């Protein structure tokens, strides 16, 4: 069943984060994954975390198992290490759920 993860990030270097997205998107797509929504936000009105959130997005996969395989993939991990680590101060998993097939 399709699986979605809703994420909040505190991006501190937009240029480096964009390079991360450019590098990881082809790998994501090779796993059948995609981004659904993507927002830059200016103000958080309510949160369950003390972490700052200025970017919110959804990322979708064919299944939870495929998501786990993607995040463990050596090519993805190399891109993450090169661009994500210095560009994001914190990440928050807002929700994860199966997407009902209609």
C-alpha atoms as a PDB file:
ATOM      1  CA  UNK A   1       0.000   0.000   0.000  1.00  0.00           C
ATOM      2  CA  UNK A   2       1.363   3.505  -0.794  1.00  0.00           C
ATOM      3  CA  UNK A   3       3.050   5.187   2.150  1.00  0.00           C
ATOM      4  CA  UNK A   4       3.512   8.881   2.971  1.00  0.00           C
ATOM      5  CA  UNK A   5       5.793  10.678   5.382  1.00  0.00           C
ATOM      6  CA  UNK A   6       5.100  14.290   6.407  1.00  0.00           C
ATOM      7  CA  UNK A   7       8.275  16.107   7.411  1.00  0.00           C
ATOM      8  CA  UNK A   8       9.207  19.410   9.010  1.00  0.00           C
ATOM      9  CA  UNK A   9      12.741  20.754   8.658  1.00  0.00           C
ATOM     10  CA  UNK A  10      14.745  23.707   9.866  1.00  0.00           C
ATOM     11  CA  UNK A  11      16.711  24.539   6.722  1.00  0.00           C
ATOM     12  CA  UNK A  12      19.651  26.842   7.477  1.00  0.00           C
ATOM     13  CA  UNK A  13      21.320  26.836   4.034  1.00  0.00           C
ATOM     14  CA  UNK A  14      18.842  27.014   1.151  1.00  0.00           C
ATOM     15  CA  UNK A  15      21.483  26.608  -1.575  1.00  0.00           C
ATOM     16  CA  UNK A  16      23.004  23.471  -0.063  1.00  0.00           C
ATOM     17  CA  UNK A  17      19.540  22.061   0.641  1.00  0.00           C
ATOM     18  CA  UNK A  18      18.586  22.641  -3.006  1.00  0.00           C
ATOM     19  CA  UNK A  19      21.690  20.679  -4.057  1.00  0.00           C
ATOM     20  CA  UNK A  20      20.554  17.887  -1.728  1.00  0.00           C
ATOM     21  CA  UNK A  21      17.125  17.841  -3.369  1.00  0.00           C
ATOM     22  CA  UNK A  22      18.658  17.864  -6.859  1.00  0.00           C
ATOM     23  CA  UNK A  23      20.974  14.998  -5.964  1.00  0.00           C
ATOM     24  CA  UNK A  24      18.454  12.819  -4.151  1.00  0.00           C
ATOM     25  CA  UNK A  25      15.397  13.267  -6.389  1.00  0.00           C
ATOM     26  CA  UNK A  26      16.590  10.945  -9.191  1.00  0.00           C
ATOM     27  CA  UNK A  27      17.362   8.283  -6.561  1.00  0.00           C
ATOM     28  CA  UNK A  28      13.950   8.825  -4.965  1.00  0.00           C
ATOM     29  CA  UNK A  29      12.237   8.468  -8.343  1.00  0.00           C
ATOM     30  CA  UNK A  30      14.184   5.272  -9.097  1.00  0.00           C
ATOM     31  CA  UNK A  31      12.487   3.790  -6.006  1.00  0.00           C
ATOM     32  CA  UNK A  32       9.069   4.920  -7.258  1.00  0.00           C
ATOM     33  CA  UNK A  33       8.966   7.761  -4.724  1.00  0.00           C
ATOM     34  CA  UNK A  34       7.976  11.388  -5.152  1.00  0.00           C
ATOM     35  CA  UNK A  35       7.257  14.619  -3.330  1.00  0.00           C
ATOM     36  CA  UNK A  36       3.585  15.457  -2.912  1.00  0.00           C
ATOM     37  CA  UNK A  37       3.546  18.873  -1.235  1.00  0.00           C
ATOM     38  CA  UNK A  38       6.407  21.220  -0.414  1.00  0.00           C
ATOM     39  CA  UNK A  39       6.141  24.458   1.569  1.00  0.00           C
ATOM     40  CA  UNK A  40       8.511  27.104   2.883  1.00  0.00           C
ATOM     41  CA  UNK A  41       6.855  28.527   5.977  1.00  0.00           C
ATOM     42  CA  UNK A  42       7.491  31.800   7.781  1.00  0.00           C
ATOM     43  CA  UNK A  43       5.716  31.238  11.086  1.00  0.00           C
ATOM     44  CA  UNK A  44       4.711  28.186  13.114  1.00  0.00           C
ATOM     45  CA  UNK A  45       1.568  28.788  15.133  1.00  0.00           C
ATOM     46  CA  UNK A  46       1.480  25.481  17.002  1.00  0.00           C
ATOM     47  CA  UNK A  47       3.942  22.620  17.264  1.00  0.00           C
ATOM     48  CA  UNK A  48       4.532  19.450  19.259  1.00  0.00           C
ATOM     49  CA  UNK A  49       8.295  19.994  19.178  1.00  0.00           C
ATOM     50  CA  UNK A  50      10.693  22.695  20.321  1.00  0.00           C
ATOM     51  CA  UNK A  51      12.559  22.400  17.010  1.00  0.00           C
ATOM     52  CA  UNK A  52      12.229  25.282  14.549  1.00  0.00           C
ATOM     53  CA  UNK A  53      10.353  24.323  11.365  1.00  0.00           C
ATOM     54  CA  UNK A  54      10.608  26.444   8.226  1.00  0.00           C
ATOM     55  CA  UNK A  55      10.033  23.772   5.574  1.00  0.00           C
ATOM     56  CA  UNK A  56       7.204  21.217   5.428  1.00  0.00           C
ATOM     57  CA  UNK A  57       6.768  18.560   2.754  1.00  0.00           C
ATOM     58  CA  UNK A  58       5.290  15.173   2.024  1.00  0.00           C
ATOM     59  CA  UNK A  59       7.312  12.364   0.511  1.00  0.00           C
ATOM     60  CA  UNK A  60       5.539   9.335  -0.939  1.00  0.00           C
ATOM     61  CA  UNK A  61       6.645   5.767  -1.621  1.00  0.00           C
ATOM     62  CA  UNK A  62       5.009   2.644  -3.066  1.00  0.00           C
ATOM     63  CA  UNK A  63       5.209   1.069   0.432  1.00  0.00           C
ATOM     64  CA  UNK A  64       6.831   1.517   3.831  1.00  0.00           C
ATOM     65  CA  UNK A  65       9.348  -1.193   2.920  1.00  0.00           C
ATOM     66  CA  UNK A  66      10.426   0.762  -0.180  1.00  0.00           C
ATOM     67  CA  UNK A  67      10.784   3.899   1.970  1.00  0.00           C
ATOM     68  CA  UNK A  68      13.088   2.018   4.345  1.00  0.00           C
ATOM     69  CA  UNK A  69      15.135   0.703   1.407  1.00  0.00           C
ATOM     70  CA  UNK A  70      15.449   4.209  -0.050  1.00  0.00           C
ATOM     71  CA  UNK A  71      16.718   5.775   3.198  1.00  0.00           C
ATOM     72  CA  UNK A  72      19.265   2.930   3.582  1.00  0.00           C
ATOM     73  CA  UNK A  73      20.499   3.154  -0.034  1.00  0.00           C
ATOM     74  CA  UNK A  74      24.255   3.939  -0.242  1.00  0.00           C
ATOM     75  CA  UNK A  75      23.788   6.418  -3.122  1.00  0.00           C
ATOM     76  CA  UNK A  76      21.154   8.304  -1.140  1.00  0.00           C
ATOM     77  CA  UNK A  77      23.301   8.266   2.009  1.00  0.00           C
ATOM     78  CA  UNK A  78      26.225   9.760   0.068  1.00  0.00           C
ATOM     79  CA  UNK A  79      24.070  12.653  -1.190  1.00  0.00           C
ATOM     80  CA  UNK A  80      22.637  13.130   2.289  1.00  0.00           C
ATOM     81  CA  UNK A  81      26.099  13.317   3.840  1.00  0.00           C
ATOM     82  CA  UNK A  82      27.365  15.712   1.161  1.00  0.00           C
ATOM     83  CA  UNK A  83      24.477  18.218   1.170  1.00  0.00           C
ATOM     84  CA  UNK A  84      21.818  17.568   3.833  1.00  0.00           C
ATOM     85  CA  UNK A  85      23.965  17.431   6.950  1.00  0.00           C
ATOM     86  CA  UNK A  86      25.213  21.025   6.724  1.00  0.00           C
ATOM     87  CA  UNK A  87      22.026  22.508   5.322  1.00  0.00           C
ATOM     88  CA  UNK A  88      19.460  21.301   7.858  1.00  0.00           C
ATOM     89  CA  UNK A  89      19.701  22.003  11.565  1.00  0.00           C
ATOM     90  CA  UNK A  90      16.813  19.764  12.633  1.00  0.00           C
ATOM     91  CA  UNK A  91      14.190  17.443  11.199  1.00  0.00           C
ATOM     92  CA  UNK A  92      10.823  16.458  12.601  1.00  0.00           C
ATOM     93  CA  UNK A  93       8.690  13.554  11.447  1.00  0.00           C
ATOM     94  CA  UNK A  94       5.207  15.056  11.671  1.00  0.00           C
ATOM     95  CA  UNK A  95       3.369  11.905  10.561  1.00  0.00           C
ATOM     96  CA  UNK A  96       3.700   8.662   8.625  1.00  0.00           C
ATOM     97  CA  UNK A  97       0.764   6.733   7.243  1.00  0.00           C
ATOM     98  CA  UNK A  98      -0.474   4.430   4.536  1.00  0.00           C
ATOM     99  CA  UNK A  99      -2.323   6.179   1.720  1.00  0.00           C
ATOM    100  CA  UNK A 100      -5.664   4.506   0.983  1.00  0.00           C
ATOM    101  CA  UNK A 101      -5.911   3.360  -2.626  1.00  0.00           C
ATOM    102  CA  UNK A 102      -9.006   4.854  -4.227  1.00  0.00           C
END
